[in-house]
N, C-alpha and C. Protein backbone atom coordinates (compact mmCIF):
# COMPACT_ATOMS: atom_id res chain seq x y z
N UNK A 1 0.76 -1.20 -0.12
CA UNK A 1 -0.03 -0.20 0.18
C UNK A 1 0.91 1.49 -0.11
N UNK A 2 1.01 2.34 -1.28
CA UNK A 2 1.51 3.60 -0.65
C UNK A 2 1.35 4.75 0.28
N UNK A 3 2.10 4.72 0.62
CA UNK A 3 1.76 6.21 2.35
C UNK A 3 0.61 7.05 1.26
N UNK A 4 0.05 6.97 2.18
CA UNK A 4 -0.94 8.18 2.34
C UNK A 4 -1.99 7.49 1.76
N UNK A 5 -2.15 6.51 1.21
CA UNK A 5 -3.00 5.61 0.77
C UNK A 5 -4.11 5.49 2.23
N UNK A 6 -5.63 5.07 1.57
CA UNK A 6 -6.67 4.72 2.76
C UNK A 6 -6.84 2.95 2.80
N UNK A 7 -6.88 2.77 3.98
CA UNK A 7 -7.85 1.21 3.90
C UNK A 7 -8.78 1.45 3.66
N UNK A 8 -9.41 0.08 3.09
CA UNK A 8 -10.72 0.37 2.37
C UNK A 8 -11.78 0.71 3.50
N UNK A 9 -11.65 0.13 4.88
CA UNK A 9 -12.52 0.33 5.60
C UNK A 9 -12.29 1.32 6.22
N UNK A 10 -11.90 2.74 5.46
CA UNK A 10 -12.01 3.87 6.39
C UNK A 10 -12.01 4.88 5.64
N UNK A 11 -13.22 6.30 6.15
CA UNK A 11 -14.16 7.13 5.32
C UNK A 11 -12.89 7.78 5.76
N UNK A 12 -13.31 8.49 4.28
CA UNK A 12 -12.78 10.19 4.43
C UNK A 12 -12.65 11.09 5.53
N UNK A 13 -11.95 11.55 6.13
CA UNK A 13 -12.61 12.93 7.48
C UNK A 13 -12.47 14.31 7.45
N UNK A 14 -13.98 14.76 6.90
CA UNK A 14 -15.00 15.90 6.80
C UNK A 14 -14.43 16.59 7.36
N UNK A 15 -14.75 18.31 7.90
CA UNK A 15 -15.10 19.30 9.13
C UNK A 15 -16.47 18.47 10.35
N UNK A 16 -15.60 18.88 11.61
CA UNK A 16 -16.58 18.66 12.88
C UNK A 16 -17.61 19.32 12.12
N UNK A 17 -19.22 17.95 12.11
CA UNK A 17 -20.47 18.44 12.33
C UNK A 17 -20.38 19.48 12.77
N UNK A 18 -21.62 20.27 12.73
CA UNK A 18 -21.71 21.24 13.29
C UNK A 18 -23.15 20.68 14.66
N UNK A 19 -23.18 21.20 16.21
CA UNK A 19 -23.90 20.96 16.79
C UNK A 19 -26.14 21.04 16.10
N UNK A 20 -26.71 20.07 16.41
CA UNK A 20 -27.70 20.42 15.71
C UNK A 20 -28.89 22.22 16.25
N UNK A 21 -28.30 21.77 17.54
CA UNK A 21 -29.23 23.09 18.10
C UNK A 21 -28.21 23.86 18.73
N UNK A 22 -28.03 25.51 18.39
CA UNK A 22 -27.16 26.55 19.31
C UNK A 22 -27.38 26.44 20.58
N UNK A 23 -26.64 26.69 20.96
CA UNK A 23 -26.18 26.48 22.86
C UNK A 23 -27.87 27.58 23.59
N UNK A 24 -27.72 28.24 22.49
CA UNK A 24 -28.18 29.37 23.12
C UNK A 24 -30.27 28.82 23.48
N UNK A 25 -30.44 28.21 22.20
CA UNK A 25 -32.02 27.50 22.59
C UNK A 25 -32.07 26.30 23.18
N UNK A 26 -30.84 25.85 23.86
CA UNK A 26 -30.92 24.25 24.45
C UNK A 26 -30.84 25.11 26.06
N UNK A 27 -29.91 25.70 26.39
CA UNK A 27 -30.16 26.93 27.11
C UNK A 27 -31.56 27.44 27.40
N UNK A 28 -31.56 28.20 26.84
CA UNK A 28 -33.51 28.90 26.66
C UNK A 28 -34.49 27.52 27.45
N UNK A 29 -34.17 26.50 26.94
CA UNK A 29 -35.12 25.00 26.72
C UNK A 29 -35.29 24.81 28.26
N UNK A 30 -34.06 24.74 29.51
CA UNK A 30 -33.55 24.27 30.28
C UNK A 30 -34.06 26.14 31.05
N UNK A 31 -34.65 26.86 31.05
CA UNK A 31 -34.19 27.91 31.72
C UNK A 31 -35.96 27.79 32.14
N UNK A 32 -36.63 27.44 30.91
CA UNK A 32 -38.09 27.19 30.50
C UNK A 32 -38.37 26.28 31.89
N UNK A 33 -37.59 25.09 31.65
CA UNK A 33 -38.20 24.34 32.38
C UNK A 33 -38.07 24.44 33.68
N UNK A 34 -36.65 25.48 33.85
CA UNK A 34 -36.54 25.03 35.94
C UNK A 34 -37.17 26.09 36.66
N UNK A 35 -37.88 27.28 35.26
CA UNK A 35 -39.46 27.92 36.09
C UNK A 35 -40.30 27.69 36.05
N UNK A 36 -40.35 26.54 34.80
CA UNK A 36 -42.22 25.43 35.47
C UNK A 36 -41.80 24.43 36.64
N UNK A 37 -40.43 24.03 37.24
CA UNK A 37 -40.80 23.53 37.86
C UNK A 37 -40.66 24.34 39.65
N UNK A 38 -40.09 25.59 38.92
CA UNK A 38 -40.29 26.39 40.62
C UNK A 38 -42.04 26.99 41.05
N UNK A 39 -42.58 27.47 39.77
CA UNK A 39 -43.59 27.52 39.76
C UNK A 39 -45.05 26.38 40.16
N UNK A 40 -44.73 25.20 39.79
CA UNK A 40 -45.34 24.33 40.30
C UNK A 40 -44.95 23.85 41.88
N UNK A 41 -43.54 24.12 42.27
CA UNK A 41 -43.17 23.74 43.80
C UNK A 41 -43.87 25.04 44.57
N UNK A 42 -43.79 26.34 44.09
CA UNK A 42 -44.79 27.37 44.84
C UNK A 42 -46.39 26.97 44.67
N UNK A 43 -47.12 26.54 43.99
CA UNK A 43 -48.34 26.10 43.57
C UNK A 43 -48.66 25.51 44.85
N UNK A 44 -48.10 24.17 45.01
CA UNK A 44 -48.07 22.72 46.07
C UNK A 44 -48.38 23.92 47.08
N UNK A 45 -47.32 24.50 47.29
CA UNK A 45 -47.03 24.89 48.83
C UNK A 45 -48.42 26.16 49.13
N UNK A 46 -48.54 27.05 48.44
CA UNK A 46 -50.20 27.46 48.16
C UNK A 46 -51.29 27.01 48.44
N UNK A 47 -50.91 25.63 47.94
CA UNK A 47 -52.53 25.33 47.80
C UNK A 47 -52.19 24.62 49.78
N UNK A 48 -51.34 23.61 50.03
CA UNK A 48 -50.80 23.08 50.95
C UNK A 48 -51.44 24.27 52.29
N UNK A 49 -51.08 25.34 52.23
CA UNK A 49 -51.24 26.79 52.67
C UNK A 49 -52.44 26.86 53.00
N UNK A 50 -53.18 27.01 51.58
CA UNK A 50 -54.36 27.71 51.95
C UNK A 50 -55.89 26.29 52.40
N UNK A 51 -54.84 24.78 51.73
CA UNK A 51 -56.13 23.89 53.43
C UNK A 51 -56.16 23.87 54.21
N UNK A 52 -54.76 24.22 54.55
CA UNK A 52 -54.66 24.31 56.08
C UNK A 52 -55.33 24.95 56.87
N UNK A 53 -55.64 26.58 56.25
CA UNK A 53 -56.67 27.95 56.66
C UNK A 53 -58.06 26.94 56.37
N UNK A 54 -58.27 26.75 55.38
CA UNK A 54 -60.03 25.94 55.39
C UNK A 54 -60.69 25.06 56.21
N UNK A 55 -59.04 24.35 56.69
CA UNK A 55 -59.87 23.62 57.62
C UNK A 55 -59.58 24.36 59.36
N UNK A 56 -58.44 25.28 59.64
CA UNK A 56 -58.95 26.14 60.45
C UNK A 56 -60.22 26.79 60.66
N UNK A 57 -60.95 27.01 59.38
CA UNK A 57 -62.44 27.69 59.86
C UNK A 57 -63.45 26.99 59.80
N UNK A 58 -63.00 26.10 59.11
CA UNK A 58 -64.35 24.75 59.61
C UNK A 58 -63.78 24.54 61.06
N UNK A 59 -63.14 24.32 61.26
CA UNK A 59 -62.89 24.09 63.13
C UNK A 59 -63.87 25.61 63.34
N UNK A 60 -62.72 26.09 63.42
CA UNK A 60 -63.80 27.27 64.17
C UNK A 60 -64.84 28.35 63.64
N UNK A 61 -65.54 27.83 62.78
CA UNK A 61 -66.95 27.66 62.65
C UNK A 61 -67.69 26.63 64.11
N UNK A 62 -67.25 25.77 63.69
CA UNK A 62 -68.16 24.94 64.74
C UNK A 62 -67.67 24.96 65.65
N UNK A 63 -67.10 25.90 66.58
CA UNK A 63 -66.53 26.06 67.72
C UNK A 63 -67.20 27.87 68.09
N UNK A 64 -68.16 27.97 67.21
CA UNK A 64 -69.18 28.53 67.42
C UNK A 64 -68.24 30.73 67.06
N UNK A 65 -66.82 30.90 67.08
CA UNK A 65 -66.03 31.81 66.92
C UNK A 65 -66.02 32.73 65.44
N UNK A 66 -65.84 34.24 65.73
CA UNK A 66 -66.23 34.57 64.79
C UNK A 66 -64.67 34.83 64.20
N UNK A 67 -65.24 34.77 62.44
CA UNK A 67 -64.17 34.49 62.02
C UNK A 67 -64.10 35.13 60.56
N UNK A 68 -64.81 36.62 60.39
CA UNK A 68 -65.06 37.59 59.20
C UNK A 68 -63.62 37.38 58.54
N UNK A 69 -62.54 37.85 59.23
CA UNK A 69 -61.40 38.32 58.33
C UNK A 69 -60.62 36.93 57.85
N UNK A 70 -60.83 35.65 58.76
CA UNK A 70 -60.06 34.64 58.17
C UNK A 70 -60.74 34.04 56.99
N UNK A 71 -62.28 34.29 57.25
CA UNK A 71 -62.80 34.03 55.82
C UNK A 71 -62.88 34.91 54.34
N UNK A 72 -62.02 35.77 54.67
CA UNK A 72 -61.97 37.03 53.65
C UNK A 72 -61.22 36.23 53.24
N UNK A 73 -60.05 36.48 54.57
CA UNK A 73 -58.70 35.55 53.88
C UNK A 73 -58.92 34.52 52.64
N UNK A 74 -59.31 33.36 53.22
CA UNK A 74 -59.53 32.82 52.80
C UNK A 74 -60.43 32.93 50.77
N UNK A 75 -61.69 33.23 51.13
CA UNK A 75 -61.98 33.41 49.29
C UNK A 75 -60.72 34.20 48.95
N UNK A 76 -59.95 35.17 49.16
CA UNK A 76 -58.83 35.87 48.62
C UNK A 76 -58.09 34.94 48.02
N UNK A 77 -57.66 34.04 49.12
CA UNK A 77 -56.56 32.73 48.77
C UNK A 77 -57.05 31.43 47.58
N UNK A 78 -58.58 31.18 48.29
CA UNK A 78 -58.63 30.64 46.63
C UNK A 78 -58.75 31.24 45.27
N UNK A 79 -59.57 32.34 45.53
CA UNK A 79 -59.39 33.36 44.34
C UNK A 79 -57.81 33.04 43.47
N UNK A 80 -56.88 33.64 44.52
CA UNK A 80 -55.17 33.99 44.28
C UNK A 80 -55.25 32.28 43.38
N UNK A 81 -55.14 31.15 43.92
CA UNK A 81 -54.64 30.02 43.87
C UNK A 81 -55.03 29.57 42.24
N UNK A 82 -56.79 29.93 41.91
CA UNK A 82 -56.83 29.46 41.18
C UNK A 82 -56.44 30.27 39.67
N UNK A 83 -56.03 31.35 40.13
CA UNK A 83 -55.67 31.67 38.70
C UNK A 83 -54.27 31.28 38.96
N UNK A 84 -54.16 31.58 39.81
CA UNK A 84 -51.75 30.91 39.50
C UNK A 84 -52.19 29.46 39.03
N UNK A 85 -53.53 28.85 38.87
CA UNK A 85 -53.29 27.23 38.87
C UNK A 85 -53.61 27.32 37.36
N UNK A 86 -54.07 28.48 36.52
CA UNK A 86 -54.54 28.40 34.89
C UNK A 86 -53.90 28.82 34.48
N UNK A 87 -52.70 29.74 34.99
CA UNK A 87 -51.65 29.82 34.56
C UNK A 87 -50.61 28.98 34.53
N UNK A 88 -50.25 27.95 34.90
CA UNK A 88 -49.88 26.86 34.95
C UNK A 88 -50.33 25.34 34.41
N UNK A 89 -50.11 25.08 33.06
CA UNK A 89 -51.12 23.56 32.63
C UNK A 89 -50.54 22.93 33.58
N UNK A 90 -51.85 21.80 33.37
CA UNK A 90 -51.63 21.09 35.12
C UNK A 90 -51.66 21.06 36.05
N UNK A 91 -51.30 22.21 36.27
CA UNK A 91 -51.67 22.82 37.91
C UNK A 91 -53.13 22.84 38.64
N UNK A 92 -54.06 21.64 37.64
CA UNK A 92 -55.14 22.36 38.65
C UNK A 92 -55.50 20.87 39.37
N UNK A 93 -54.60 19.77 39.21
CA UNK A 93 -54.68 19.01 39.72
C UNK A 93 -54.19 18.41 41.07
N UNK A 94 -54.10 17.58 41.84
CA UNK A 94 -53.82 17.36 43.27
C UNK A 94 -53.95 18.10 44.21
N UNK A 95 -52.56 18.66 44.69
CA UNK A 95 -52.69 19.66 46.19
C UNK A 95 -54.17 20.57 45.62
N UNK A 96 -53.58 21.01 44.54
CA UNK A 96 -54.48 22.51 44.13
C UNK A 96 -56.00 22.51 43.97
N UNK A 97 -56.61 20.73 43.21
CA UNK A 97 -57.50 20.35 43.36
C UNK A 97 -58.29 20.65 44.65
N UNK A 98 -57.47 19.64 46.25
CA UNK A 98 -57.86 19.30 46.55
C UNK A 98 -58.15 20.72 47.95
N UNK A 99 -56.99 21.54 48.11
CA UNK A 99 -57.23 22.79 48.34
C UNK A 99 -58.57 23.82 48.33
N UNK A 100 -58.83 23.88 47.03
CA UNK A 100 -59.75 24.71 46.21
C UNK A 100 -61.11 23.76 46.95
N UNK A 101 -61.16 22.73 46.87
CA UNK A 101 -62.23 22.06 47.04
C UNK A 101 -62.79 21.73 48.32
N UNK A 102 -61.85 21.93 49.16
CA UNK A 102 -61.74 22.04 50.89
C UNK A 102 -62.28 23.75 51.16
N UNK A 103 -61.65 24.58 50.06
CA UNK A 103 -61.72 26.34 50.82
C UNK A 103 -63.58 26.23 49.88
N UNK A 104 -63.74 25.76 48.94
CA UNK A 104 -65.44 26.15 49.06
C UNK A 104 -66.42 25.58 49.78
N UNK A 105 -65.91 24.24 49.91
CA UNK A 105 -66.66 23.56 51.58
C UNK A 105 -66.78 24.38 52.91
N UNK A 106 -65.27 25.59 53.47
CA UNK A 106 -65.27 26.22 54.43
C UNK A 106 -66.62 27.02 54.00
N UNK A 107 -66.26 27.67 52.83
CA UNK A 107 -66.84 29.20 52.59
C UNK A 107 -68.63 28.99 52.17
N UNK A 108 -68.36 28.05 51.89
CA UNK A 108 -70.57 27.71 51.49
C UNK A 108 -70.75 26.71 53.66
N UNK A 109 -70.37 26.18 53.88
CA UNK A 109 -70.42 26.09 55.44
C UNK A 109 -70.66 27.54 56.34
N UNK A 110 -69.34 28.03 55.95
CA UNK A 110 -69.85 29.13 56.43
C UNK A 110 -71.20 30.22 56.02
N UNK A 111 -71.62 30.48 54.99
CA UNK A 111 -73.31 30.91 54.71
C UNK A 111 -74.11 30.11 55.32
N UNK A 112 -73.97 28.74 55.93
CA UNK A 112 -75.34 27.79 56.74
C UNK A 112 -75.28 28.61 58.49
N UNK A 113 -74.19 29.02 58.86
CA UNK A 113 -74.05 29.49 60.06
C UNK A 113 -74.06 31.19 60.08
N UNK A 114 -73.60 31.87 59.02
CA UNK A 114 -74.77 33.45 59.46
C UNK A 114 -76.13 33.07 58.32
N UNK A 115 -76.78 32.38 57.48
CA UNK A 115 -77.75 32.16 57.70
C UNK A 115 -77.54 33.29 55.87
N UNK A 116 -77.29 33.55 55.42
CA UNK A 116 -76.76 34.37 53.57
C UNK A 116 -76.94 33.50 52.66
N UNK A 117 -76.72 34.05 51.32
CA UNK A 117 -76.80 33.27 50.64
C UNK A 117 -75.47 32.41 50.38
N UNK A 118 -75.90 31.28 49.66
CA UNK A 118 -74.68 30.48 49.50
C UNK A 118 -74.02 31.28 48.18
N UNK A 119 -72.81 31.44 47.79
CA UNK A 119 -72.12 31.81 46.83
C UNK A 119 -71.61 31.32 45.92
N UNK A 120 -71.97 31.02 44.97
CA UNK A 120 -71.60 30.28 42.92
C UNK A 120 -70.22 30.63 43.35
N UNK A 121 -70.13 29.75 41.98
CA UNK A 121 -68.24 29.21 41.70
C UNK A 121 -67.66 31.07 40.99
N UNK A 122 -68.38 31.77 40.85
CA UNK A 122 -67.96 33.00 40.07
C UNK A 122 -67.83 34.02 41.08
N UNK A 123 -68.60 33.72 42.26
CA UNK A 123 -68.22 35.16 43.54
C UNK A 123 -67.78 34.69 44.69
N UNK A 124 -67.42 33.66 43.91
CA UNK A 124 -65.66 32.42 44.93
C UNK A 124 -64.32 33.07 44.33
N UNK A 125 -65.01 32.94 43.07
CA UNK A 125 -63.44 32.86 41.93
C UNK A 125 -62.63 31.95 41.92
N UNK A 126 -64.06 30.99 41.87
CA UNK A 126 -63.41 29.05 41.58
C UNK A 126 -63.84 28.74 40.19
N UNK A 127 -63.07 27.66 39.81
CA UNK A 127 -63.88 26.78 38.50
C UNK A 127 -65.18 26.27 39.26
N UNK A 128 -66.18 25.92 38.04
CA UNK A 128 -67.25 24.92 38.69
C UNK A 128 -66.57 23.29 39.61
N UNK A 129 -66.00 22.66 38.86
CA UNK A 129 -65.55 21.05 38.76
C UNK A 129 -65.35 21.36 40.93
N UNK A 130 -64.24 22.00 40.83
CA UNK A 130 -63.62 21.83 42.56
C UNK A 130 -65.04 22.73 43.57
N UNK A 131 -65.98 23.59 42.88
CA UNK A 131 -67.09 24.13 43.75
C UNK A 131 -67.93 22.76 44.13
N UNK A 132 -68.09 21.78 42.77
CA UNK A 132 -69.15 21.00 42.88
C UNK A 132 -68.50 20.32 43.95
N UNK A 133 -67.52 19.61 43.64
CA UNK A 133 -66.92 18.62 44.99
C UNK A 133 -67.21 19.12 46.43
N UNK A 134 -66.09 20.33 46.57
CA UNK A 134 -66.59 21.61 47.91
C UNK A 134 -68.18 21.19 48.55
N UNK A 135 -69.28 21.37 47.53
CA UNK A 135 -70.26 21.27 47.47
C UNK A 135 -70.85 19.94 48.50
N UNK A 136 -70.63 18.84 47.75
CA UNK A 136 -70.87 18.04 48.42
C UNK A 136 -70.21 17.69 49.15
N UNK A 137 -69.38 17.95 49.48
CA UNK A 137 -68.58 18.39 51.13
C UNK A 137 -69.26 18.78 52.48
N UNK A 138 -69.49 19.43 51.44
CA UNK A 138 -70.28 20.29 53.10
C UNK A 138 -71.86 19.86 53.50
N UNK A 139 -72.42 18.64 52.62
CA UNK A 139 -73.48 18.06 53.03
C UNK A 139 -73.47 17.32 55.10
N UNK A 140 -71.47 16.60 54.58
CA UNK A 140 -70.93 15.98 55.59
C UNK A 140 -71.26 16.81 56.74
N UNK A 141 -71.11 18.40 56.60
CA UNK A 141 -70.46 19.65 58.11
C UNK A 141 -71.97 19.49 57.98
N UNK A 142 -73.23 19.50 57.21
CA UNK A 142 -74.09 20.00 57.91
C UNK A 142 -75.28 18.89 58.75
N UNK A 143 -74.67 17.72 58.50
CA UNK A 143 -74.56 16.56 59.35
C UNK A 143 -74.78 16.52 61.08
N UNK A 144 -72.93 16.72 60.48
CA UNK A 144 -72.74 17.61 61.90
C UNK A 144 -73.43 18.40 63.25
N UNK A 145 -73.61 19.44 62.22
CA UNK A 145 -74.61 20.34 62.92
C UNK A 145 -75.91 20.13 63.22
N UNK A 146 -76.66 19.33 62.30
CA UNK A 146 -77.98 18.81 62.50
C UNK A 146 -77.76 17.80 64.17
N UNK A 147 -76.96 16.49 64.48
CA UNK A 147 -76.27 15.88 65.24
C UNK A 147 -76.00 17.04 65.72
N UNK A 148 -75.47 17.81 66.68
CA UNK A 148 -75.23 18.58 67.30
C UNK A 148 -76.45 19.17 68.15
N UNK A 149 -77.34 19.82 67.08
CA UNK A 149 -78.71 20.14 67.37
C UNK A 149 -79.57 19.54 68.08
N UNK A 150 -79.37 18.15 67.76
CA UNK A 150 -80.39 17.04 68.57
C UNK A 150 -79.44 16.99 69.98
N UNK A 151 -78.62 16.98 69.99
CA UNK A 151 -78.34 16.58 71.37
C UNK A 151 -78.08 17.91 72.30
N UNK A 152 -78.63 19.15 71.63
CA UNK A 152 -79.25 20.10 72.71
C UNK A 152 -80.81 20.44 72.73
N UNK A 153 -81.00 18.60 71.91
CA UNK A 153 -82.88 18.91 72.07
C UNK A 153 -83.32 20.24 71.50
N UNK A 154 -83.04 20.51 70.04
CA UNK A 154 -83.26 21.46 69.56
C UNK A 154 -83.58 20.42 68.10
N UNK A 155 -85.38 20.32 68.52
CA UNK A 155 -85.49 19.08 67.07
C UNK A 155 -85.85 20.43 65.75
N UNK A 156 -86.09 21.61 66.29
CA UNK A 156 -86.79 22.56 65.29
C UNK A 156 -85.48 22.74 63.96
N UNK A 157 -84.49 23.31 65.02
CA UNK A 157 -83.31 23.28 64.05
C UNK A 157 -82.93 22.12 62.81
N UNK A 158 -82.56 21.21 63.93
CA UNK A 158 -81.96 20.07 62.95
C UNK A 158 -82.71 19.19 62.28
N UNK A 159 -84.39 20.04 61.90
CA UNK A 159 -85.52 19.60 61.51
C UNK A 159 -84.81 20.97 59.86
N UNK A 160 -84.61 21.76 60.38
CA UNK A 160 -84.71 23.30 59.38
C UNK A 160 -82.95 22.65 58.62
N UNK A 161 -82.28 22.83 59.56
CA UNK A 161 -80.79 21.96 58.50
C UNK A 161 -80.59 20.84 57.47
N UNK A 162 -81.48 19.46 57.99
CA UNK A 162 -81.50 18.41 57.75
C UNK A 162 -82.63 19.30 55.92
N UNK A 163 -83.17 19.68 56.15
CA UNK A 163 -83.98 20.70 55.03
C UNK A 163 -83.07 21.23 53.72
N UNK A 164 -82.03 21.59 54.32
CA UNK A 164 -80.96 22.29 54.01
C UNK A 164 -80.19 21.61 53.00
N UNK A 165 -79.69 20.08 54.17
CA UNK A 165 -79.35 19.36 53.54
C UNK A 165 -79.72 18.70 52.42
N UNK A 166 -80.90 18.61 52.18
CA UNK A 166 -81.77 18.07 51.31
C UNK A 166 -81.77 19.16 50.16
N UNK A 167 -81.37 20.01 49.94
CA UNK A 167 -81.60 21.07 48.82
C UNK A 167 -80.20 20.96 48.31
N UNK A 168 -79.55 20.61 49.03
CA UNK A 168 -78.08 20.86 48.36
C UNK A 168 -77.75 19.68 47.90
N UNK A 169 -78.48 18.53 48.31
CA UNK A 169 -78.22 17.01 47.85
C UNK A 169 -78.83 17.24 46.30
N UNK A 170 -79.97 17.86 46.25
CA UNK A 170 -80.88 17.86 45.23
C UNK A 170 -79.56 18.39 44.12
N UNK A 171 -79.36 19.68 44.32
CA UNK A 171 -78.53 20.58 43.68
C UNK A 171 -77.51 20.10 42.86
N UNK A 172 -77.02 19.12 43.53
CA UNK A 172 -75.60 18.39 43.64
C UNK A 172 -75.90 17.12 42.59
N UNK A 173 -76.93 16.43 42.74
CA UNK A 173 -77.82 15.19 42.03
C UNK A 173 -77.95 16.11 40.37
N UNK A 174 -78.37 16.41 40.40
CA UNK A 174 -78.76 17.00 39.10
C UNK A 174 -77.41 17.57 38.10
N UNK A 175 -76.04 17.33 38.15
CA UNK A 175 -74.67 17.38 37.21
C UNK A 175 -74.66 15.79 36.90
N UNK A 176 -74.17 16.02 36.08
CA UNK A 176 -73.80 14.50 35.12
C UNK A 176 -72.05 14.90 34.50
N UNK A 177 -71.39 14.47 34.81
CA UNK A 177 -69.95 14.73 34.24
C UNK A 177 -69.10 13.32 33.89
N UNK A 178 -68.10 13.24 33.15
CA UNK A 178 -67.29 12.19 32.96
C UNK A 178 -66.28 12.12 33.86
N UNK A 179 -66.01 11.56 34.81
CA UNK A 179 -64.73 11.73 35.72
C UNK A 179 -64.00 11.74 35.40
N UNK A 180 -63.28 11.72 34.08
CA UNK A 180 -62.33 12.57 33.28
C UNK A 180 -62.15 13.84 34.17
N UNK A 181 -63.99 14.65 33.99
CA UNK A 181 -63.34 15.72 33.86
C UNK A 181 -63.73 16.47 35.41
N UNK A 182 -64.32 15.53 36.13
CA UNK A 182 -64.67 15.64 37.60
C UNK A 182 -65.05 14.79 38.17
N UNK A 183 -65.25 14.18 39.49
CA UNK A 183 -65.12 12.76 39.43
C UNK A 183 -66.66 13.26 40.57
N UNK A 184 -67.77 13.35 40.43
CA UNK A 184 -68.95 13.75 40.89
C UNK A 184 -69.31 12.48 41.43
N UNK A 185 -69.56 11.48 41.41
CA UNK A 185 -70.32 10.26 40.96
C UNK A 185 -70.19 10.08 42.65
N UNK A 186 -69.05 9.86 43.49
CA UNK A 186 -68.44 10.00 44.73
C UNK A 186 -68.95 10.50 45.71
N UNK A 187 -69.32 11.84 44.78
CA UNK A 187 -69.96 12.99 46.06
C UNK A 187 -71.06 12.88 46.09
N UNK A 188 -71.92 12.33 44.67
CA UNK A 188 -73.53 12.14 44.77
C UNK A 188 -73.59 11.13 45.70
N UNK A 189 -73.04 10.24 45.49
CA UNK A 189 -73.68 9.16 46.73
C UNK A 189 -73.29 8.88 47.85
N UNK A 190 -71.99 9.65 48.33
CA UNK A 190 -72.42 10.36 50.09
C UNK A 190 -73.13 11.43 49.89
N UNK A 191 -73.26 11.68 49.28
CA UNK A 191 -74.07 12.97 50.01
C UNK A 191 -75.79 12.60 50.24
N UNK A 192 -75.95 11.40 49.47
CA UNK A 192 -77.57 10.49 49.35
C UNK A 192 -77.28 9.59 51.29
N UNK A 193 -76.57 9.09 51.14
CA UNK A 193 -76.27 8.05 52.20
C UNK A 193 -76.07 8.90 53.52
N UNK A 194 -75.63 10.11 53.61
CA UNK A 194 -75.49 10.91 54.83
C UNK A 194 -76.68 11.69 54.84
N UNK A 195 -77.67 11.75 53.86
CA UNK A 195 -79.00 12.88 54.17
C UNK A 195 -79.30 11.61 54.30
N UNK A 196 -79.60 10.05 53.96
CA UNK A 196 -80.14 9.07 54.62
C UNK A 196 -80.40 9.04 55.91
N UNK A 197 -78.74 8.65 56.73
CA UNK A 197 -78.87 8.05 57.90
C UNK A 197 -79.14 9.32 58.97
N UNK A 198 -79.01 10.64 58.59
CA UNK A 198 -79.61 12.03 58.69
C UNK A 198 -81.29 12.36 58.88
N UNK A 199 -81.90 11.47 58.00
CA UNK A 199 -83.00 11.62 58.26
C UNK A 199 -83.50 10.84 58.68
N UNK A 200 -82.78 9.87 59.52
CA UNK A 200 -83.33 8.08 60.15
C UNK A 200 -83.33 9.13 61.53
N UNK A 201 -82.29 9.60 61.64
CA UNK A 201 -81.74 10.38 63.46
C UNK A 201 -83.29 11.12 63.66
N UNK A 202 -83.54 11.65 62.72
CA UNK A 202 -84.12 12.94 62.92
C UNK A 202 -85.52 12.05 62.94
N UNK A 203 -85.87 11.03 62.13
CA UNK A 203 -87.12 10.23 62.87
C UNK A 203 -87.82 9.66 64.13
N UNK A 204 -86.02 9.00 64.67
CA UNK A 204 -86.13 8.62 66.24
C UNK A 204 -85.89 9.84 66.89
N UNK A 205 -85.36 10.82 66.60
CA UNK A 205 -85.77 12.15 68.09
C UNK A 205 -86.83 12.18 67.80
N UNK A 206 -88.18 12.35 66.25
CA UNK A 206 -89.10 12.75 66.75
C UNK A 206 -90.21 11.57 67.63
N UNK A 207 -89.68 10.63 67.02
CA UNK A 207 -90.46 9.41 68.26
C UNK A 207 -90.19 9.48 69.55
N UNK A 208 -89.19 10.32 70.10
CA UNK A 208 -88.50 9.70 71.33
C UNK A 208 -89.47 11.02 71.93
N UNK A 209 -89.19 12.77 71.24
CA UNK A 209 -90.11 13.76 71.45
C UNK A 209 -91.16 13.03 72.12
N UNK A 210 -92.19 12.60 70.92
CA UNK A 210 -93.30 12.08 71.40
C UNK A 210 -93.55 11.65 71.85
N UNK A 211 -92.83 10.66 72.59
CA UNK A 211 -92.50 9.51 73.95
C UNK A 211 -92.86 10.85 75.45
N UNK A 212 -91.63 10.99 74.95
CA UNK A 212 -92.00 12.05 76.23
C UNK A 212 -92.77 13.14 76.47
N UNK A 213 -93.69 13.46 75.43
CA UNK A 213 -94.71 13.93 75.76
C UNK A 213 -95.81 13.38 75.96
N UNK A 214 -96.01 12.43 75.89
CA UNK A 214 -97.21 11.43 76.08
C UNK A 214 -96.72 10.70 77.68
N UNK A 215 -95.77 11.15 77.91
CA UNK A 215 -95.38 10.07 79.50
C UNK A 215 -96.04 10.87 80.35
N UNK A 216 -96.66 10.10 81.16
CA UNK A 216 -97.45 10.75 82.13
C UNK A 216 -96.76 11.48 83.32
N UNK A 217 -97.21 12.46 84.27
CA UNK A 217 -96.11 13.63 84.87
C UNK A 217 -95.70 12.39 85.82
N UNK A 218 -94.79 12.70 86.66
CA UNK A 218 -94.49 11.60 87.95
C UNK A 218 -95.03 11.74 88.93
N UNK A 219 -95.81 10.95 89.54
CA UNK A 219 -96.59 10.46 90.93
C UNK A 219 -95.91 11.77 92.04
N UNK A 220 -96.96 12.77 92.60
CA UNK A 220 -96.44 13.14 93.81
C UNK A 220 -95.94 11.83 94.99
N UNK A 221 -94.40 12.42 95.60
CA UNK A 221 -94.66 10.93 96.61
C UNK A 221 -95.35 11.49 97.59
């Protein structure tokens, strides 16, 4: 073989191939992903804080404590979290959905204590999906109030609250949607079951009240 000649297996070497993308393009993609990750972390942290606040509000409501400022803060937080989730694709799931659902539950429960009209999704600044899930849960919170009224022998209040439970369960039952949009069917089934148990408790309370009325007065010693 002559000097300088190439073996049959060798290929001629040309100039080094240029990278398929400029470094600036790849760096910009990395920065974009890092920003999205940071936003999602912040979104999850905000959701956890809002959920804790909603749980605090519900606990305080059942204790009969005034909460005007805490309720307004909950409204503002739910509205802000909804707006932040809209700006982050896929950010409405997981902790965000749970926090908004529980916030709606607390705000609707507050309306039952105040005796004010129930706010809708637009008034609360949330989407209809978490609103409906929170509506389903507030039926259970009302059952707790019914049982408290019965334990205080306030049958009239228990019946008023049970009637409200029935209205809310009926409102929830009118909606139908695929589970991929909102998992509504379990909430509807749960609300119906809670309502039936509560009706049974009220029936028993009425029977006991009638029995007490019919009982003869104790004889004088």
